[in-house]
Amino acid sequence: MKRRQFLTGTGLVAGASLLPRPARSLRLPAVFCDAKAGLPEPQIAFETSDPQRQGTYQKALAILAGNVTVLPHYAKQVLIEGSTYRGIWLEDAPQEGLIYSLVHPGAGRTNHMAFFDLQHPDGQIPCAIKTTSVEFSQIQMVAPIAATAWELSQQTGDSELLDKAYASCSRWEGWLRRYRDTRRTGLCEGFCTYDTGQDNSPRWRGIPNQCPDKDARKCPPLPSLPRLCPDLSATVYSGRIALAAMARALGKNSEADRWLAEAHSVQSAILKLLYSPADAAFFDLDAQNHFVRVIGDATTRVLGEHVVDQKLFETIYQRQMHNPKAFWAPYPFPSIALDDPSFVRPIPRNSWGGASQALTALRAPRWMEHYGKPADLAHLMEQWVAAIVRQPQFRQQMDPLTGVFTVDRGDYSPCALVLMDFTWRLAGVRQAGDELEWNVRPPTPAEKASFRLRIRNGRTAELNYAAGRAELTLHGKRICSTGEVVRLVTDLEGKLRRAVGIGAQASEVRVEHAAGVKHGFTIAPNESLELDGARS
């Protein structure tokens, strides 16, 4: 066995359980597919004996189905933001479509293609496509559309999407160079509040929400603008990494090499110009070369695009993201650090001034898994699931200390996706590239649950819970069973490759293989353990 320990210590409150006590426990939601709804056949199906979780999960899926609609300026169904947001935004719609594609494959595709199809001839991609208009008034980037399009094309084998994404994202990259690098630093500049989608954030205090004349090429005439933005630049970095991968897949090797070189160039500039070692945080640099010292979730967005190496990540993580006085609130992650004096209270609606946002939670797996924090991610996911189940209106944001959601119209797609995605990440089976991850988290012995996933080779992976144990089967063939909290990773043929510690504490795991052979090991939170020679 080969061990890999990512985190010293558990990273969780002592005695904390990843499976809360009965009244608030993570019990698994019910199968959601309603044939009468006329939805495309989903790749996932889920059943449970717990009525409360069943009702909450079914409501989430009903909200998502209700938020699939045709917009006036785009004649194909897309998954809109929902609540008061009647449209799709560049910062989040592609990622939301990617996650929802397991239920509605068409919406996953169109949540990307809509932006490509409505791209301006000069390369500008719309910041939003709404029921009222197609808008180009800001850039509003977070997770890069190039990265989500590349992942979706890989999952589906969609060559048309790959071709379209590469062409469109290459042109978008050219537009950003022309209009959002006016200081010639190689970084991406922010002109207005909505560029980062952080409405009402103290980071942007005194800065207009939109660009003049609703034209993202125009910078407001303020002495502090334009700013060099770490998160916007991180989006450019990750987009270039995705473009390199797409180019390689398309046989454009010289272009792939160029994209990689240009990605590393912006990565170096981010680390050199926008990181403060004294604060272990990333900041905007204004036009007078002063840091805008608001410690907010711009840093999580830099981590989300994997800009920093593991060593620097651990420094940032311990001092900021996993610090209970800063970002590791009872309901992570606040949009402004708890100990930053600019945290806005009382928390207003639609505020990136401190509230924990569903969008930030939905993005957390992109970096917490990458940097080896699956047990800590599990804690975050449990806290969000528990809060949503208590108040199942599916709202935008909550108080990071109490888990109480800010009252709004509800039916917000990102919050519904948090419940759907986190349910599978906590206790279901997922495909990740050429592997299956079985997130085993047995409920109480009296409960039963079943996760079923149709994988790309046409087989069905099932994770069934009964009598406090989990049984893993692939296309009807039993792989193994266990009664402990652990992630077991197999190849697509069911051969065990490794185990990952996703529990709050170190645990003794006993795995019984199909042939009756028993395999035992101890695993710590966030630890990855290769299971040499383990077979089903």
Protein backbone atom coordinates (compact mmCIF):
# COMPACT_ATOMS: atom_id res chain seq x y z
CA MET A 1 0.00 0.00 0.00
CA LYS A 2 1.13 3.51 -0.79
CA ARG A 3 -0.17 6.37 1.27
CA ARG A 4 -0.55 10.04 0.47
CA GLN A 5 -1.48 12.45 3.26
CA PHE A 6 -2.70 15.84 2.09
CA LEU A 7 -3.52 17.49 5.38
CA THR A 8 -1.96 17.37 8.82
CA GLY A 9 -4.74 16.90 11.33
CA THR A 10 -8.38 16.22 10.56
CA GLY A 11 -9.18 19.74 9.47
CA LEU A 12 -12.56 19.43 11.22
CA VAL A 13 -13.95 20.35 14.60
CA ALA A 14 -13.10 17.65 17.12
CA GLY A 15 -15.90 15.16 17.46
CA ALA A 16 -17.75 16.43 14.40
CA SER A 17 -19.67 13.78 12.51
CA LEU A 18 -20.07 13.73 8.76
CA LEU A 19 -23.40 12.03 9.34
CA PRO A 20 -25.38 14.33 11.67
CA ARG A 21 -27.75 12.95 14.26
CA PRO A 22 -31.21 11.69 13.24
CA ALA A 23 -33.20 14.91 13.10
CA ARG A 24 -30.60 16.56 10.90
CA SER A 25 -28.79 13.59 9.39
CA LEU A 26 -27.82 13.36 5.75
CA ARG A 27 -30.32 10.80 4.61
CA LEU A 28 -30.52 10.25 0.95
CA PRO A 29 -33.12 11.79 -1.38
CA ALA A 30 -35.43 9.85 -3.63
CA VAL A 31 -35.48 8.93 -7.28
CA PHE A 32 -36.39 12.07 -9.17
CA CYS A 33 -37.13 11.00 -12.72
CA ASP A 34 -40.76 11.58 -13.64
CA ALA A 35 -41.51 10.04 -17.02
CA LYS A 36 -44.56 12.29 -17.37
CA ALA A 37 -42.36 15.39 -17.27
CA GLY A 38 -41.04 14.64 -20.74
CA LEU A 39 -37.41 15.16 -19.75
CA PRO A 40 -34.57 13.38 -21.57
CA GLU A 41 -33.57 10.13 -19.91
CA PRO A 42 -31.17 10.99 -17.07
CA GLN A 43 -27.88 9.25 -16.46
CA ILE A 44 -28.52 9.12 -12.72
CA ALA A 45 -31.32 7.72 -10.57
CA PHE A 46 -31.66 7.71 -6.81
CA GLU A 47 -34.05 6.16 -4.28
CA THR A 48 -34.27 6.31 -0.49
CA SER A 49 -36.55 5.27 2.31
CA ASP A 50 -36.26 8.66 4.03
CA PRO A 51 -39.37 10.75 3.23
CA GLN A 52 -37.94 14.15 4.26
CA ARG A 53 -34.87 13.84 2.06
CA GLN A 54 -37.01 12.39 -0.69
CA GLY A 55 -39.30 15.39 -0.68
CA THR A 56 -36.48 17.92 -0.59
CA TYR A 57 -34.57 16.26 -3.39
CA GLN A 58 -37.62 15.86 -5.58
CA LYS A 59 -38.44 19.52 -5.04
CA ALA A 60 -34.92 20.49 -6.13
CA LEU A 61 -35.28 18.49 -9.31
CA ALA A 62 -38.72 19.93 -9.97
CA ILE A 63 -37.30 23.46 -9.61
CA LEU A 64 -34.52 22.67 -12.06
CA ALA A 65 -36.97 21.18 -14.54
CA GLY A 66 -39.15 24.28 -14.17
CA ASN A 67 -36.16 26.51 -14.84
CA VAL A 68 -35.47 24.88 -18.19
CA THR A 69 -36.92 27.26 -20.76
CA VAL A 70 -36.49 28.88 -24.16
CA LEU A 71 -35.27 32.49 -24.15
CA PRO A 72 -36.54 35.03 -26.70
CA HIS A 73 -33.09 35.48 -28.24
CA TYR A 74 -32.14 31.80 -28.28
CA ALA A 75 -34.55 29.22 -29.60
CA LYS A 76 -33.32 26.20 -27.62
CA GLN A 77 -33.97 25.16 -24.05
CA VAL A 78 -31.47 26.34 -21.44
CA LEU A 79 -31.30 26.04 -17.66
CA ILE A 80 -31.78 29.60 -16.38
CA GLU A 81 -30.63 30.94 -13.02
CA GLY A 82 -34.14 31.07 -11.63
CA SER A 83 -35.52 33.12 -8.74
CA THR A 84 -35.36 36.78 -9.81
CA TYR A 85 -32.70 36.01 -12.42
CA ARG A 86 -34.52 35.27 -15.66
CA GLY A 87 -31.69 34.26 -17.91
CA ILE A 88 -28.22 32.76 -18.08
CA TRP A 89 -24.96 34.46 -17.08
CA LEU A 90 -21.47 33.69 -18.34
CA GLU A 91 -20.03 33.37 -14.82
CA ASP A 92 -22.14 30.35 -13.88
CA ALA A 93 -24.54 29.02 -16.54
CA PRO A 94 -21.95 26.82 -18.32
CA GLN A 95 -20.90 25.13 -15.08
CA GLU A 96 -24.51 24.72 -13.99
CA GLY A 97 -25.33 23.16 -17.36
CA LEU A 98 -22.37 20.79 -16.98
CA ILE A 99 -23.62 19.60 -13.58
CA TYR A 100 -27.24 19.36 -14.73
CA SER A 101 -26.28 17.44 -17.87
CA LEU A 102 -26.50 14.19 -15.87
CA VAL A 103 -30.24 14.83 -15.68
CA HIS A 104 -30.87 16.90 -18.80
CA PRO A 105 -28.10 16.37 -21.39
CA GLY A 106 -29.56 18.92 -23.80
CA ALA A 107 -29.48 21.77 -21.28
CA GLY A 108 -25.84 21.05 -20.53
CA ARG A 109 -24.99 21.55 -24.19
CA THR A 110 -27.17 24.59 -24.85
CA ASN A 111 -25.93 26.38 -21.72
CA HIS A 112 -22.63 26.54 -23.62
CA MET A 113 -23.76 26.85 -27.22
CA ALA A 114 -26.01 29.84 -26.47
CA PHE A 115 -22.96 31.95 -25.60
CA PHE A 116 -21.03 30.71 -28.62
CA ASP A 117 -23.90 31.25 -31.04
CA LEU A 118 -24.52 34.82 -29.84
CA GLN A 119 -20.84 35.80 -29.80
CA HIS A 120 -20.04 39.11 -31.50
CA PRO A 121 -17.98 39.05 -34.71
CA ASP A 122 -15.14 40.77 -32.82
CA GLY A 123 -14.98 37.82 -30.39
CA GLN A 124 -16.92 39.21 -27.43
CA ILE A 125 -19.09 36.61 -25.68
CA PRO A 126 -22.29 37.90 -24.04
CA CYS A 127 -22.13 38.40 -20.30
CA ALA A 128 -25.81 37.49 -20.05
CA ILE A 129 -28.67 36.22 -22.18
CA LYS A 130 -31.90 37.23 -20.49
CA THR A 131 -35.59 37.22 -21.22
CA THR A 132 -35.30 40.92 -21.99
CA SER A 133 -31.99 41.24 -23.86
CA VAL A 134 -28.56 39.90 -24.80
CA GLU A 135 -26.01 41.93 -22.86
CA PHE A 136 -22.37 42.88 -23.42
CA SER A 137 -22.06 45.45 -20.59
CA GLN A 138 -19.41 43.58 -18.57
CA ILE A 139 -17.35 40.40 -18.87
CA GLN A 140 -18.70 38.63 -15.73
CA MET A 141 -16.29 35.68 -15.71
CA VAL A 142 -15.65 33.07 -13.03
CA ALA A 143 -15.33 29.41 -14.04
CA PRO A 144 -14.07 29.65 -17.65
CA ILE A 145 -16.49 28.52 -20.32
CA ALA A 146 -13.55 26.94 -22.14
CA ALA A 147 -12.93 24.62 -19.17
CA THR A 148 -16.55 23.54 -18.73
CA ALA A 149 -17.01 23.08 -22.49
CA TRP A 150 -13.88 20.91 -22.66
CA GLU A 151 -15.10 18.77 -19.75
CA LEU A 152 -18.57 18.38 -21.25
CA SER A 153 -17.18 17.45 -24.66
CA GLN A 154 -15.00 14.81 -23.03
CA GLN A 155 -17.93 13.39 -21.10
CA THR A 156 -20.21 13.19 -24.12
CA GLY A 157 -17.82 12.72 -27.04
CA ASP A 158 -19.48 15.73 -28.69
CA SER A 159 -17.05 16.70 -31.48
CA GLU A 160 -19.25 19.55 -32.71
CA LEU A 161 -19.19 21.13 -29.25
CA LEU A 162 -15.42 20.70 -29.11
CA ASP A 163 -14.90 22.39 -32.49
CA LYS A 164 -17.28 25.22 -31.64
CA ALA A 165 -15.82 25.76 -28.18
CA TYR A 166 -12.26 25.89 -29.43
CA ALA A 167 -13.05 28.42 -32.15
CA SER A 168 -15.25 30.60 -29.95
CA CYS A 169 -13.04 30.55 -26.86
CA SER A 170 -9.97 31.34 -28.96
CA ARG A 171 -11.74 34.43 -30.31
CA TRP A 172 -12.90 35.38 -26.81
CA GLU A 173 -9.32 35.12 -25.61
CA GLY A 174 -8.30 37.51 -28.40
CA TRP A 175 -11.01 39.98 -27.37
CA LEU A 176 -9.83 39.94 -23.74
CA ARG A 177 -6.26 40.64 -24.85
CA ARG A 178 -7.37 43.63 -26.93
CA TYR A 179 -9.73 45.26 -24.48
CA ARG A 180 -8.88 43.99 -20.99
CA ASP A 181 -5.09 44.30 -20.87
CA THR A 182 -4.76 48.05 -21.38
CA ARG A 183 -1.87 48.27 -18.88
CA ARG A 184 0.02 45.59 -20.84
CA THR A 185 0.77 43.46 -17.79
CA GLY A 186 -0.57 40.24 -19.29
CA LEU A 187 -3.30 40.17 -16.63
CA CYS A 188 -7.04 40.63 -17.03
CA GLU A 189 -8.44 43.97 -15.91
CA GLY A 190 -11.66 44.73 -14.09
CA PHE A 191 -13.59 47.83 -15.12
CA CYS A 192 -16.79 47.49 -13.04
CA THR A 193 -18.49 45.58 -10.23
CA TYR A 194 -20.38 43.20 -12.48
CA ASP A 195 -17.17 42.04 -14.19
CA THR A 196 -16.74 39.60 -11.31
CA GLY A 197 -20.47 39.22 -10.59
CA GLN A 198 -20.00 40.32 -6.98
CA ASP A 199 -22.99 42.54 -6.48
CA ASN A 200 -22.85 44.79 -3.42
CA SER A 201 -19.33 43.72 -2.48
CA PRO A 202 -17.08 46.10 -0.51
CA ARG A 203 -14.35 45.01 -2.91
CA TRP A 204 -16.02 47.24 -5.51
CA ARG A 205 -17.25 50.04 -3.25
CA GLY A 206 -17.46 53.30 -5.21
CA ILE A 207 -17.09 51.58 -8.59
CA PRO A 208 -19.97 51.56 -11.13
CA ASN A 209 -21.87 48.32 -11.57
CA GLN A 210 -21.57 48.36 -15.37
CA CYS A 211 -19.28 49.84 -17.98
CA PRO A 212 -20.19 53.17 -19.68
CA ASP A 213 -22.89 52.84 -22.32
CA LYS A 214 -23.20 49.18 -21.32
CA ASP A 215 -20.09 48.50 -23.39
CA ALA A 216 -17.53 46.22 -21.74
CA ARG A 217 -14.78 47.72 -23.89
CA LYS A 218 -15.11 51.06 -22.07
CA CYS A 219 -13.55 51.71 -18.69
CA PRO A 220 -15.23 54.26 -16.39
CA PRO A 221 -13.10 57.44 -16.12
CA LEU A 222 -11.99 56.92 -12.51
CA PRO A 223 -8.38 57.32 -11.33
CA SER A 224 -8.35 53.90 -9.61
CA LEU A 225 -9.37 52.06 -12.78
CA PRO A 226 -8.62 49.76 -14.46
CA ARG A 227 -7.74 47.21 -11.82
CA LEU A 228 -5.64 44.10 -12.25
CA CYS A 229 -7.90 41.35 -10.92
CA PRO A 230 -6.57 38.03 -9.61
CA ASP A 231 -9.79 36.08 -10.15
CA LEU A 232 -10.43 37.37 -13.68
CA SER A 233 -6.80 36.62 -14.52
CA ALA A 234 -7.16 33.14 -13.01
CA THR A 235 -10.13 32.56 -15.31
CA VAL A 236 -7.93 33.51 -18.27
CA TYR A 237 -5.21 31.13 -17.03
CA SER A 238 -7.57 28.19 -16.69
CA GLY A 239 -9.23 29.01 -20.01
CA ARG A 240 -5.86 28.82 -21.73
CA ILE A 241 -5.12 25.47 -20.07
CA ALA A 242 -8.44 24.20 -21.46
CA LEU A 243 -7.69 25.65 -24.89
CA ALA A 244 -4.36 23.79 -24.87
CA ALA A 245 -6.15 20.53 -24.10
CA MET A 246 -8.72 21.17 -26.84
CA ALA A 247 -6.00 22.03 -29.33
CA ARG A 248 -4.16 18.81 -28.50
CA ALA A 249 -7.36 16.80 -28.97
CA LEU A 250 -7.87 18.48 -32.35
CA GLY A 251 -4.33 17.66 -33.47
CA LYS A 252 -3.17 21.28 -33.24
CA ASN A 253 -0.03 20.59 -31.24
CA SER A 254 1.81 23.83 -31.96
CA GLU A 255 -1.26 25.80 -30.87
CA ALA A 256 -1.48 23.68 -27.74
CA ASP A 257 2.12 24.53 -26.87
CA ARG A 258 1.41 28.22 -27.40
CA TRP A 259 -1.66 28.15 -25.16
CA LEU A 260 0.30 26.44 -22.40
CA ALA A 261 3.11 28.97 -22.60
CA GLU A 262 0.63 31.84 -22.46
CA ALA A 263 -1.18 30.23 -19.53
CA HIS A 264 2.03 29.98 -17.55
CA SER A 265 2.80 33.61 -18.36
CA VAL A 266 -0.42 34.89 -16.80
CA GLN A 267 0.02 32.46 -13.88
CA SER A 268 3.44 33.97 -13.12
CA ALA A 269 2.04 37.50 -13.31
CA ILE A 270 -0.78 36.67 -10.88
CA LEU A 271 1.65 35.30 -8.32
CA LYS A 272 4.15 38.13 -8.77
CA LEU A 273 1.79 41.12 -8.78
CA LEU A 274 -1.44 40.16 -7.01
CA TYR A 275 -0.49 37.90 -4.08
CA SER A 276 0.27 39.28 -0.63
CA PRO A 277 2.37 36.87 1.48
CA ALA A 278 1.69 38.98 4.55
CA ASP A 279 -2.06 38.31 4.19
CA ALA A 280 -1.93 34.93 2.42
CA ALA A 281 -4.51 36.37 0.04
CA PHE A 282 -4.92 37.74 -3.47
CA PHE A 283 -5.99 41.34 -4.04
CA ASP A 284 -6.90 43.66 -6.89
CA LEU A 285 -4.15 46.11 -7.83
CA ASP A 286 -5.61 49.50 -8.72
CA ALA A 287 -4.32 51.95 -11.33
CA GLN A 288 -2.06 53.60 -8.70
CA ASN A 289 -0.55 50.19 -7.96
CA HIS A 290 -2.20 49.93 -4.55
CA PHE A 291 -3.77 46.74 -3.29
CA VAL A 292 -7.53 46.89 -2.67
CA ARG A 293 -7.22 45.23 0.73
CA VAL A 294 -10.56 43.48 1.09
CA ILE A 295 -10.07 39.82 1.94
CA GLY A 296 -12.84 38.14 0.02
CA ASP A 297 -13.69 35.18 -2.14
CA ALA A 298 -11.51 36.38 -5.01
CA THR A 299 -8.93 34.09 -3.39
CA THR A 300 -11.23 31.05 -3.62
CA ARG A 301 -11.66 31.79 -7.32
CA VAL A 302 -7.90 31.81 -7.84
CA LEU A 303 -7.75 28.45 -6.08
CA GLY A 304 -10.67 27.27 -8.21
CA GLU A 305 -8.54 27.63 -11.32
CA HIS A 306 -5.53 25.84 -9.75
CA VAL A 307 -3.17 28.77 -10.13
CA VAL A 308 -1.10 28.01 -7.01
CA ASP A 309 1.04 24.95 -6.29
CA GLN A 310 0.36 22.64 -3.35
CA LYS A 311 2.86 24.34 -1.03
CA LEU A 312 1.38 27.81 -1.47
CA PHE A 313 -2.11 26.36 -1.34
CA GLU A 314 -1.46 24.88 2.11
CA THR A 315 -0.34 28.29 3.38
CA ILE A 316 -3.45 30.02 2.02
CA TYR A 317 -5.68 27.20 3.18
CA GLN A 318 -4.48 27.18 6.78
CA ARG A 319 -4.34 30.96 7.17
CA GLN A 320 -7.53 31.85 5.32
CA MET A 321 -9.81 29.20 3.84
CA HIS A 322 -9.64 26.73 6.75
CA ASN A 323 -9.32 29.37 9.46
CA PRO A 324 -12.54 29.56 11.57
CA LYS A 325 -11.90 33.26 12.14
CA ALA A 326 -11.73 33.96 8.41
CA PHE A 327 -13.45 31.67 5.88
CA TRP A 328 -14.03 28.35 7.66
CA ALA A 329 -17.32 29.52 9.11
CA PRO A 330 -19.93 27.04 10.36
CA TYR A 331 -21.43 27.30 6.85
CA PRO A 332 -18.50 27.92 4.49
CA PHE A 333 -17.50 29.98 2.58
CA PRO A 334 -18.45 33.60 3.36
CA SER A 335 -17.92 35.99 0.47
CA ILE A 336 -15.88 38.26 2.77
CA ALA A 337 -13.68 36.89 5.56
CA LEU A 338 -15.39 36.96 8.93
CA ASP A 339 -12.49 38.92 10.43
CA ASP A 340 -12.31 41.49 7.63
CA PRO A 341 -13.69 44.85 8.84
CA SER A 342 -15.59 45.33 5.57
CA PHE A 343 -17.94 42.36 6.24
CA VAL A 344 -21.44 43.78 5.74
CA ARG A 345 -23.99 43.32 8.52
CA PRO A 346 -26.91 43.02 8.68
CA ILE A 347 -26.70 40.86 5.57
CA PRO A 348 -28.84 42.30 2.74
CA ARG A 349 -30.27 40.31 -0.15
CA ASN A 350 -27.97 39.55 -3.10
CA SER A 351 -24.85 40.49 -1.19
CA TRP A 352 -21.27 39.45 -1.87
CA GLY A 353 -20.39 41.46 1.21
CA GLY A 354 -20.25 38.47 3.56
CA ALA A 355 -23.07 36.02 2.87
CA SER A 356 -22.22 32.42 1.97
CA GLN A 357 -23.38 32.09 -1.61
CA ALA A 358 -24.75 28.92 -3.23
CA LEU A 359 -22.59 29.67 -6.26
CA THR A 360 -19.43 29.62 -4.14
CA ALA A 361 -20.47 26.31 -2.59
CA LEU A 362 -21.20 24.84 -6.03
CA ARG A 363 -17.70 25.82 -7.17
CA ALA A 364 -15.91 24.46 -4.09
CA PRO A 365 -15.39 20.89 -5.39
CA ARG A 366 -13.41 22.28 -8.34
CA TRP A 367 -10.54 23.21 -6.02
CA MET A 368 -11.01 21.28 -2.78
CA GLU A 369 -10.76 17.95 -4.60
CA HIS A 370 -7.83 19.18 -6.73
CA TYR A 371 -5.81 20.15 -3.66
CA GLY A 372 -6.65 17.01 -1.70
CA LYS A 373 -9.27 18.16 0.82
CA PRO A 374 -12.17 15.71 0.22
CA ALA A 375 -12.96 15.25 3.91
CA ASP A 376 -13.13 18.99 4.48
CA LEU A 377 -15.27 19.32 1.37
CA ALA A 378 -17.59 16.68 2.81
CA HIS A 379 -18.03 18.80 5.93
CA LEU A 380 -18.91 21.84 3.81
CA MET A 381 -21.36 19.78 1.76
CA GLU A 382 -23.07 18.37 4.83
CA GLN A 383 -23.52 21.82 6.29
CA TRP A 384 -25.10 23.10 3.08
CA VAL A 385 -27.36 20.08 2.69
CA ALA A 386 -28.52 20.36 6.31
CA ALA A 387 -29.28 24.07 5.88
CA ILE A 388 -31.22 23.51 2.67
CA VAL A 389 -33.27 20.66 4.14
CA ARG A 390 -34.24 22.90 7.07
CA GLN A 391 -35.38 25.68 4.70
CA PRO A 392 -36.17 24.03 1.35
CA GLN A 393 -37.07 27.16 -0.57
CA PHE A 394 -33.76 26.96 -2.51
CA ARG A 395 -32.55 30.50 -1.99
CA GLN A 396 -29.41 32.30 -3.08
CA GLN A 397 -27.40 32.95 0.10
CA MET A 398 -27.21 32.37 3.82
CA ASP A 399 -25.62 33.72 6.97
CA PRO A 400 -22.28 31.89 7.33
CA LEU A 401 -22.64 31.72 11.11
CA THR A 402 -26.23 30.52 11.44
CA GLY A 403 -27.08 28.81 8.15
CA VAL A 404 -30.27 30.90 7.89
CA PHE A 405 -31.04 31.79 4.29
CA THR A 406 -31.83 35.37 3.28
CA VAL A 407 -35.48 35.60 2.28
CA ASP A 408 -35.96 35.91 -1.48
CA ARG A 409 -38.23 34.47 -4.16
CA GLY A 410 -36.59 31.04 -4.00
CA ASP A 411 -36.42 28.43 -6.77
CA TYR A 412 -32.79 29.37 -7.43
CA SER A 413 -31.08 26.88 -9.74
CA PRO A 414 -27.59 27.02 -8.14
CA CYS A 415 -29.04 26.12 -4.73
CA ALA A 416 -31.04 23.24 -6.20
CA LEU A 417 -27.88 22.04 -7.98
CA VAL A 418 -25.97 22.22 -4.68
CA LEU A 419 -28.41 19.73 -3.19
CA MET A 420 -28.33 17.46 -6.24
CA ASP A 421 -24.58 17.52 -6.75
CA PHE A 422 -23.66 17.29 -3.06
CA THR A 423 -25.95 14.31 -2.51
CA TRP A 424 -23.99 12.32 -5.07
CA ARG A 425 -20.62 13.60 -3.92
CA LEU A 426 -21.38 12.72 -0.32
CA ALA A 427 -22.83 9.26 -0.68
CA GLY A 428 -23.17 8.26 -4.34
CA VAL A 429 -21.18 6.90 -7.25
CA ARG A 430 -19.67 9.29 -9.81
CA GLN A 431 -17.61 8.94 -12.96
CA ALA A 432 -14.42 10.99 -13.09
CA GLY A 433 -12.57 10.42 -16.34
CA ASP A 434 -11.64 6.76 -16.62
CA GLU A 435 -12.48 6.06 -12.98
CA LEU A 436 -15.51 5.54 -10.77
CA GLU A 437 -15.55 7.07 -7.32
CA TRP A 438 -17.81 5.31 -4.84
CA ASN A 439 -18.45 7.71 -1.95
CA VAL A 440 -19.53 5.24 0.69
CA ARG A 441 -21.38 6.85 3.58
CA PRO A 442 -23.78 4.31 5.10
CA PRO A 443 -26.97 5.74 6.63
CA THR A 444 -28.58 4.26 9.74
CA PRO A 445 -29.21 0.48 9.62
CA ALA A 446 -32.95 1.07 9.26
CA GLU A 447 -32.57 3.13 6.10
CA LYS A 448 -32.25 1.95 2.54
CA ALA A 449 -30.95 3.86 -0.45
CA SER A 450 -29.79 3.24 -3.97
CA PHE A 451 -27.70 5.27 -6.43
CA ARG A 452 -27.60 4.23 -10.09
CA LEU A 453 -25.30 5.78 -12.66
CA ARG A 454 -25.16 4.98 -16.36
CA ILE A 455 -21.52 5.31 -17.40
CA ARG A 456 -20.10 6.00 -20.82
CA ASN A 457 -19.39 2.39 -21.78
CA GLY A 458 -23.09 1.59 -21.47
CA ARG A 459 -22.79 -0.13 -18.13
CA THR A 460 -24.63 0.74 -14.94
CA ALA A 461 -22.87 1.38 -11.64
CA GLU A 462 -24.98 0.90 -8.51
CA LEU A 463 -24.28 1.81 -4.91
CA ASN A 464 -26.90 0.23 -2.66
CA TYR A 465 -27.30 0.77 1.08
CA ALA A 466 -29.10 -1.59 3.46
CA ALA A 467 -28.61 -2.68 7.08
CA GLY A 468 -25.87 -0.08 7.57
CA ARG A 469 -23.69 -1.45 4.77
CA ALA A 470 -22.94 -0.46 1.20
CA GLU A 471 -22.73 -2.84 -1.74
CA LEU A 472 -20.99 -1.80 -4.96
CA THR A 473 -22.09 -3.42 -8.20
CA LEU A 474 -21.15 -2.79 -11.82
CA HIS A 475 -23.55 -3.94 -14.53
CA GLY A 476 -25.09 -6.45 -12.13
CA LYS A 477 -21.75 -7.85 -10.94
CA ARG A 478 -20.91 -7.36 -7.28
CA ILE A 479 -17.57 -5.65 -6.69
CA CYS A 480 -17.37 -5.42 -2.90
CA SER A 481 -19.14 -4.24 0.23
CA THR A 482 -18.22 -2.24 3.32
CA GLY A 483 -19.83 -0.61 6.33
CA GLU A 484 -17.41 2.30 6.79
CA VAL A 485 -17.23 5.87 5.50
CA VAL A 486 -14.67 5.84 2.70
CA ARG A 487 -14.27 6.64 -0.97
CA LEU A 488 -13.33 3.62 -3.03
CA VAL A 489 -11.98 4.35 -6.49
CA THR A 490 -12.15 1.76 -9.27
CA ASP A 491 -11.50 1.69 -12.98
CA LEU A 492 -14.44 1.35 -15.34
CA GLU A 493 -14.12 -2.44 -15.12
CA GLY A 494 -14.55 -2.41 -11.35
CA LYS A 495 -10.94 -3.04 -10.27
CA LEU A 496 -10.09 -1.26 -7.05
CA ARG A 497 -7.32 1.33 -7.41
CA ARG A 498 -7.28 3.35 -4.19
CA ALA A 499 -9.17 4.53 -1.13
CA VAL A 500 -9.63 8.13 -0.02
CA GLY A 501 -10.43 9.35 3.48
CA ILE A 502 -13.67 11.33 3.33
CA GLY A 503 -14.66 10.89 6.99
CA ALA A 504 -14.22 13.35 9.83
CA GLN A 505 -11.84 11.02 11.67
CA ALA A 506 -9.42 8.22 10.94
CA SER A 507 -11.27 4.97 10.48
CA GLU A 508 -10.66 1.25 10.24
CA VAL A 509 -12.09 0.10 6.92
CA ARG A 510 -13.01 -3.47 6.10
CA VAL A 511 -13.79 -4.27 2.47
CA GLU A 512 -15.25 -7.64 1.51
CA HIS A 513 -14.59 -8.49 -2.13
CA ALA A 514 -16.90 -10.44 -4.42
CA ALA A 515 -14.85 -13.60 -4.05
CA GLY A 516 -15.17 -13.43 -0.25
CA VAL A 517 -11.67 -12.07 0.34
CA LYS A 518 -11.55 -9.43 3.08
CA HIS A 519 -9.24 -6.44 2.92
CA GLY A 520 -8.58 -4.09 5.86
CA PHE A 521 -6.76 -0.80 6.25
CA THR A 522 -6.73 2.38 8.31
CA ILE A 523 -7.29 5.68 6.54
CA ALA A 524 -7.16 9.27 7.80
CA PRO A 525 -9.20 12.26 6.63
CA ASN A 526 -7.95 13.55 3.26
CA GLU A 527 -5.56 10.64 2.90
CA SER A 528 -5.22 8.77 -0.40
CA LEU A 529 -4.17 5.13 -0.14
CA GLU A 530 -3.26 3.00 -3.15
CA LEU A 531 -4.77 -0.47 -2.93
CA ASP A 532 -1.98 -2.40 -4.61
CA GLY A 533 -3.23 -5.63 -6.09
CA ALA A 534 -6.77 -5.27 -4.74
CA ARG A 535 -9.26 -6.91 -7.09
CA SER A 536 -12.98 -7.39 -7.20
